[in-house]
Each structure stands twice: as structure tokens, then as C-alpha cells.
């Protein structure tokens, strides 16, 4: 027999506010994880060498000093984009997903990319711009020097006129 107890008295709001909120078990990392030193740049596990000091020629050529990583090793979790369902954000679905890497078939020749044509005419380069600015600066320098010479010439004539009188 199922018994239900119903409280008719209104519930104080203090209790609901003090109660801890439910926290998801899954932690989303804010920092990028450090690269695993046991992985190659392609993301494949580095070969584990056996801790032996000397190997025979046969072991070296047959690569028997290699121990493959355990099959139970799993890939890092990739979190999904949050979706909105019934007005609330859901960041993780119930489905388990596996990561797949697809590579092109090496037997099929790769498609060559067409080279982009370089325009022969009309390239305004940095060197051309610098040359034009250099010419403008030369003209400006000559103008300033002539102004300075005329100023000194006027001062000299004024000094001669004041010393003569």
C-alpha cells in the first residue's frame, strides 16, 4: 500500500534557498589540457620501449622491443554544443559518441590545386611607396633649406643695416 503525506502548511522560502543546488558530475574544463608527452604530433601513442639494455639483431629488425599501448585507453571527451530543450539548456546528450578520423585513400592520386595567377601589371608594392615618399621628403628638405637660407640672408642684411646706422 502506498502512503502519501501532504503538508498543508505553506513551506518557508528559507529552506529552499539554503538547500544546495544539484551540481553536474561532469566538469567542463576552462583551460586547455597540457599536451600528453606520450603522444606523437599526429596524436598517436608513442611506442613504449621495453626496459632492456641490449637487444639482439633479430629483435631490432622485427621490432620486438615495441610494446603497443593498452586497448582500454580511451580518447578525451569532446563536449557538444549546448541545445535548448523545453526552455532549458542541455549541454550533454545521453548518447555515447566515438571520435572518428578519416584519411584519404592513399591509392587514389591527390587532386592538384590550380595555381593562382599572379597579376603582372598593377602591383603597388611597399618599395614603390617608399620611393615615392623618399622623393617627397627630398623635395620638402630642399624647400626647408632654401627657406632657412633666405631667413639667414634677411637677418644678415638687417644686421648690416643696423650696424651701418
C-alpha atoms as a PDB file:
ATOM      1  CA  UNK A   1       0.000   0.000   0.000  1.00  0.00           C
ATOM      2  CA  UNK A   2       1.306   3.426  -0.963  1.00  0.00           C
ATOM      3  CA  UNK A   3       1.043   6.172   1.609  1.00  0.00           C
ATOM      4  CA  UNK A   4       1.425   9.843   0.706  1.00  0.00           C
ATOM      5  CA  UNK A   5       1.887  12.600   3.212  1.00  0.00           C
ATOM      6  CA  UNK A   6       0.845  16.035   2.113  1.00  0.00           C
ATOM      7  CA  UNK A   7       1.715  19.095   4.115  1.00  0.00           C
ATOM      8  CA  UNK A   8      -0.973  21.749   4.042  1.00  0.00           C
ATOM      9  CA  UNK A   9       1.126  24.411   5.697  1.00  0.00           C
ATOM     10  CA  UNK A  10       2.993  26.722   3.312  1.00  0.00           C
ATOM     11  CA  UNK A  11       6.683  25.961   3.053  1.00  0.00           C
ATOM     12  CA  UNK A  12       9.060  28.715   4.187  1.00  0.00           C
ATOM     13  CA  UNK A  13      11.276  30.057   1.402  1.00  0.00           C
ATOM     14  CA  UNK A  14      14.355  29.994   3.623  1.00  0.00           C
ATOM     15  CA  UNK A  15      14.660  26.205   3.396  1.00  0.00           C
ATOM     16  CA  UNK A  16      14.603  26.093  -0.402  1.00  0.00           C
ATOM     17  CA  UNK A  17      17.217  28.836  -0.678  1.00  0.00           C
ATOM     18  CA  UNK A  18      19.568  27.221   1.852  1.00  0.00           C
ATOM     19  CA  UNK A  19      19.402  23.794   0.222  1.00  0.00           C
ATOM     20  CA  UNK A  20      22.451  23.138  -2.002  1.00  0.00           C
ATOM     21  CA  UNK A  21      21.718  23.065  -5.715  1.00  0.00           C
ATOM     22  CA  UNK A  22      22.343  19.924  -7.706  1.00  0.00           C
ATOM     23  CA  UNK A  23      25.707  20.006  -9.449  1.00  0.00           C
ATOM     24  CA  UNK A  24      26.507  18.080 -12.587  1.00  0.00           C
ATOM     25  CA  UNK A  25      29.044  15.298 -12.202  1.00  0.00           C
ATOM     26  CA  UNK A  26      30.718  16.246 -15.491  1.00  0.00           C
ATOM     27  CA  UNK A  27      33.269  19.023 -15.175  1.00  0.00           C
ATOM     28  CA  UNK A  28      33.857  21.179 -18.233  1.00  0.00           C
ATOM     29  CA  UNK A  29      37.461  22.324 -18.381  1.00  0.00           C
ATOM     30  CA  UNK A  30      38.079  26.027 -18.845  1.00  0.00           C
ATOM     31  CA  UNK A  31      41.780  25.568 -19.539  1.00  0.00           C
ATOM     32  CA  UNK A  32      43.246  23.628 -22.395  1.00  0.00           C
ATOM     33  CA  UNK A  33      44.762  20.363 -21.185  1.00  0.00           C
ATOM     34  CA  UNK A  34      48.534  20.067 -21.384  1.00  0.00           C
ATOM     35  CA  UNK A  35      49.704  18.043 -24.368  1.00  0.00           C
ATOM     36  CA  UNK A  36      50.311  14.418 -23.447  1.00  0.00           C
ATOM     37  CA  UNK A  37      54.044  13.638 -23.698  1.00  0.00           C
ATOM     38  CA  UNK A  38      53.175  10.057 -24.641  1.00  0.00           C
ATOM     39  CA  UNK A  39      51.513  11.177 -27.888  1.00  0.00           C
ATOM     40  CA  UNK A  40      53.195  11.930 -31.200  1.00  0.00           C
ATOM     41  CA  UNK A  41      52.363  15.209 -33.027  1.00  0.00           C
ATOM     42  CA  UNK A  42      49.712  13.292 -35.003  1.00  0.00           C
ATOM     43  CA  UNK A  43      48.045  12.230 -31.756  1.00  0.00           C
ATOM     44  CA  UNK A  44      49.107   8.606 -31.963  1.00  0.00           C
ATOM     45  CA  UNK A  45      50.598   6.973 -28.869  1.00  0.00           C
ATOM     46  CA  UNK A  46      54.382   6.857 -28.731  1.00  0.00           C
ATOM     47  CA  UNK A  47      55.811   3.353 -28.843  1.00  0.00           C
ATOM     48  CA  UNK A  48      56.741   2.040 -25.416  1.00  0.00           C
ATOM     49  CA  UNK A  49      60.185   0.537 -25.397  1.00  0.00           C
ATOM     50  CA  UNK A  50      60.917  -2.449 -23.243  1.00  0.00           C
ATOM     51  CA  UNK A  51      63.315  -1.728 -20.405  1.00  0.00           C
ATOM     52  CA  UNK A  52      66.082  -3.908 -21.691  1.00  0.00           C
ATOM     53  CA  UNK A  53      69.640  -2.733 -22.143  1.00  0.00           C
ATOM     54  CA  UNK A  54      70.651  -4.984 -25.021  1.00  0.00           C
ATOM     55  CA  UNK A  55      68.618  -6.219 -27.956  1.00  0.00           C
ATOM     56  CA  UNK A  56      69.576  -8.856 -30.455  1.00  0.00           C
ATOM     57  CA  UNK A  57      69.694  -8.016 -34.152  1.00  0.00           C
ATOM     58  CA  UNK A  58      66.592 -10.115 -34.734  1.00  0.00           C
ATOM     59  CA  UNK A  59      64.640  -8.218 -32.059  1.00  0.00           C
ATOM     60  CA  UNK A  60      65.656  -4.879 -33.546  1.00  0.00           C
ATOM     61  CA  UNK A  61      64.710  -5.801 -37.120  1.00  0.00           C
ATOM     62  CA  UNK A  62      61.445  -7.460 -36.150  1.00  0.00           C
ATOM     63  CA  UNK A  63      60.683  -4.516 -33.831  1.00  0.00           C
ATOM     64  CA  UNK A  64      60.192  -6.767 -30.820  1.00  0.00           C
ATOM     65  CA  UNK A  65      61.364  -4.026 -28.492  1.00  0.00           C
ATOM     66  CA  UNK A  66      57.988  -2.353 -29.058  1.00  0.00           C
ATOM     67  CA  UNK A  67      55.019  -2.803 -26.758  1.00  0.00           C
ATOM     68  CA  UNK A  68      51.699  -1.436 -28.041  1.00  0.00           C
ATOM     69  CA  UNK A  69      49.544   0.726 -25.720  1.00  0.00           C
ATOM     70  CA  UNK A  70      46.646  -0.937 -23.872  1.00  0.00           C
ATOM     71  CA  UNK A  71      43.335  -1.265 -25.721  1.00  0.00           C
ATOM     72  CA  UNK A  72      41.439   0.188 -22.776  1.00  0.00           C
ATOM     73  CA  UNK A  73      42.940   3.634 -23.307  1.00  0.00           C
ATOM     74  CA  UNK A  74      40.102   5.965 -24.241  1.00  0.00           C
ATOM     75  CA  UNK A  75      40.083   9.290 -26.050  1.00  0.00           C
ATOM     76  CA  UNK A  76      39.425  12.618 -24.363  1.00  0.00           C
ATOM     77  CA  UNK A  77      35.771  13.644 -24.104  1.00  0.00           C
ATOM     78  CA  UNK A  78      34.581  16.120 -26.703  1.00  0.00           C
ATOM     79  CA  UNK A  79      31.693  18.160 -25.342  1.00  0.00           C
ATOM     80  CA  UNK A  80      28.758  19.004 -27.576  1.00  0.00           C
ATOM     81  CA  UNK A  81      27.278  22.393 -28.311  1.00  0.00           C
ATOM     82  CA  UNK A  82      24.524  23.227 -25.797  1.00  0.00           C
ATOM     83  CA  UNK A  83      20.989  22.686 -27.149  1.00  0.00           C
ATOM     84  CA  UNK A  84      17.758  24.165 -25.913  1.00  0.00           C
ATOM     85  CA  UNK A  85      15.062  21.670 -24.941  1.00  0.00           C
ATOM     86  CA  UNK A  86      11.815  22.658 -23.193  1.00  0.00           C
ATOM     87  CA  UNK A  87      13.219  26.115 -22.471  1.00  0.00           C
ATOM     88  CA  UNK A  88      16.330  24.871 -20.653  1.00  0.00           C
ATOM     89  CA  UNK A  89      19.871  24.498 -21.954  1.00  0.00           C
ATOM     90  CA  UNK A  90      21.156  20.943 -22.273  1.00  0.00           C
ATOM     91  CA  UNK A  91      24.887  20.687 -22.826  1.00  0.00           C
ATOM     92  CA  UNK A  92      25.310  16.909 -22.887  1.00  0.00           C
ATOM     93  CA  UNK A  93      23.143  14.306 -24.583  1.00  0.00           C
ATOM     94  CA  UNK A  94      22.547  10.759 -23.395  1.00  0.00           C
ATOM     95  CA  UNK A  95      24.187   9.218 -26.464  1.00  0.00           C
ATOM     96  CA  UNK A  96      27.762   7.996 -26.314  1.00  0.00           C
ATOM     97  CA  UNK A  97      29.842   9.074 -29.276  1.00  0.00           C
ATOM     98  CA  UNK A  98      33.156   7.928 -30.641  1.00  0.00           C
ATOM     99  CA  UNK A  99      35.699  10.068 -32.383  1.00  0.00           C
ATOM    100  CA  UNK A 100      36.498   9.075 -35.961  1.00  0.00           C
ATOM    101  CA  UNK A 101      39.460  10.181 -38.043  1.00  0.00           C
ATOM    102  CA  UNK A 102      39.091   9.722 -41.771  1.00  0.00           C
ATOM    103  CA  UNK A 103      42.045   9.736 -44.121  1.00  0.00           C
ATOM    104  CA  UNK A 104      42.005   9.800 -47.906  1.00  0.00           C
ATOM    105  CA  UNK A 105      42.731   6.554 -49.680  1.00  0.00           C
ATOM    106  CA  UNK A 106      46.453   6.643 -50.456  1.00  0.00           C
ATOM    107  CA  UNK A 107      45.954   4.630 -53.652  1.00  0.00           C
ATOM    108  CA  UNK A 108      43.965   7.446 -55.268  1.00  0.00           C
ATOM    109  CA  UNK A 109      46.190  10.269 -56.574  1.00  0.00           C
ATOM    110  CA  UNK A 110      45.646  13.614 -54.900  1.00  0.00           C
ATOM    111  CA  UNK A 111      43.967  16.427 -56.802  1.00  0.00           C
ATOM    112  CA  UNK A 112      46.393  19.200 -57.657  1.00  0.00           C
ATOM    113  CA  UNK A 113      45.320  22.680 -56.706  1.00  0.00           C
ATOM    114  CA  UNK A 114      45.302  25.169 -59.562  1.00  0.00           C
ATOM    115  CA  UNK A 115      47.913  27.876 -59.090  1.00  0.00           C
ATOM    116  CA  UNK A 116      46.553  31.342 -58.690  1.00  0.00           C
ATOM    117  CA  UNK A 117      47.713  33.632 -61.473  1.00  0.00           C
ATOM    118  CA  UNK A 118      49.986  36.452 -60.377  1.00  0.00           C
ATOM    119  CA  UNK A 119      49.000  39.791 -61.843  1.00  0.00           C
ATOM    120  CA  UNK A 120      51.883  41.254 -63.813  1.00  0.00           C
ATOM    121  CA  UNK A 121      50.532  44.789 -64.007  1.00  0.00           C
ATOM    122  CA  UNK A 122      49.308  46.997 -61.224  1.00  0.00           C
ATOM    123  CA  UNK A 123      51.055  45.787 -58.104  1.00  0.00           C
ATOM    124  CA  UNK A 124      51.606  48.724 -55.731  1.00  0.00           C
ATOM    125  CA  UNK A 125      54.426  47.441 -53.576  1.00  0.00           C
ATOM    126  CA  UNK A 126      55.930  48.733 -50.366  1.00  0.00           C
ATOM    127  CA  UNK A 127      59.186  49.561 -52.159  1.00  0.00           C
ATOM    128  CA  UNK A 128      57.388  51.767 -54.683  1.00  0.00           C
ATOM    129  CA  UNK A 129      55.557  53.553 -51.875  1.00  0.00           C
ATOM    130  CA  UNK A 130      58.842  54.118 -50.012  1.00  0.00           C
ATOM    131  CA  UNK A 131      60.468  55.506 -53.182  1.00  0.00           C
ATOM    132  CA  UNK A 132      57.616  57.991 -53.693  1.00  0.00           C
ATOM    133  CA  UNK A 133      57.770  59.074 -50.041  1.00  0.00           C
ATOM    134  CA  UNK A 134      61.564  59.433 -50.357  1.00  0.00           C
ATOM    135  CA  UNK A 135      61.164  61.793 -53.340  1.00  0.00           C
ATOM    136  CA  UNK A 136      58.546  63.839 -51.469  1.00  0.00           C
ATOM    137  CA  UNK A 137      60.849  64.065 -48.441  1.00  0.00           C
ATOM    138  CA  UNK A 138      63.743  65.229 -50.656  1.00  0.00           C
ATOM    139  CA  UNK A 139      61.571  67.999 -52.108  1.00  0.00           C
ATOM    140  CA  UNK A 140      60.417  69.019 -48.614  1.00  0.00           C
ATOM    141  CA  UNK A 141      64.015  69.059 -47.322  1.00  0.00           C
ATOM    142  CA  UNK A 142      65.179  71.267 -50.207  1.00  0.00           C
ATOM    143  CA  UNK A 143      62.248  73.643 -49.566  1.00  0.00           C
ATOM    144  CA  UNK A 144      63.099  73.936 -45.848  1.00  0.00           C
ATOM    145  CA  UNK A 145      66.792  74.536 -46.578  1.00  0.00           C
ATOM    146  CA  UNK A 146      66.004  77.324 -49.061  1.00  0.00           C
ATOM    147  CA  UNK A 147      63.625  78.926 -46.508  1.00  0.00           C
ATOM    148  CA  UNK A 148      66.387  78.755 -43.885  1.00  0.00           C
ATOM    149  CA  UNK A 149      68.924  80.310 -46.266  1.00  0.00           C
ATOM    150  CA  UNK A 150      66.563  83.201 -47.095  1.00  0.00           C
ATOM    151  CA  UNK A 151      65.882  83.748 -43.371  1.00  0.00           C
ATOM    152  CA  UNK A 152      69.623  83.943 -42.588  1.00  0.00           C
ATOM    153  CA  UNK A 153      70.194  86.233 -45.578  1.00  0.00           C
ATOM    154  CA  UNK A 154      67.464  88.621 -44.335  1.00  0.00           C
ATOM    155  CA  UNK A 155      68.922  88.617 -40.814  1.00  0.00           C
ATOM    156  CA  UNK A 156      72.373  89.327 -42.209  1.00  0.00           C
ATOM    157  CA  UNK A 157      71.101  92.298 -44.218  1.00  0.00           C
ATOM    158  CA  UNK A 158      69.236  93.613 -41.151  1.00  0.00           C
ATOM    159  CA  UNK A 159      72.412  93.346 -39.031  1.00  0.00           C
ATOM    160  CA  UNK A 160      74.437  95.181 -41.671  1.00  0.00           C
ATOM    161  CA  UNK A 161      71.765  97.876 -41.885  1.00  0.00           C
ATOM    162  CA  UNK A 162      71.652  98.292 -38.103  1.00  0.00           C
ATOM    163  CA  UNK A 163      75.462  98.352 -37.773  1.00  0.00           C
ATOM    164  CA  UNK A 164      75.795 100.980 -40.545  1.00  0.00           C
ATOM    165  CA  UNK A 165      73.377 103.380 -38.949  1.00  0.00           C
END
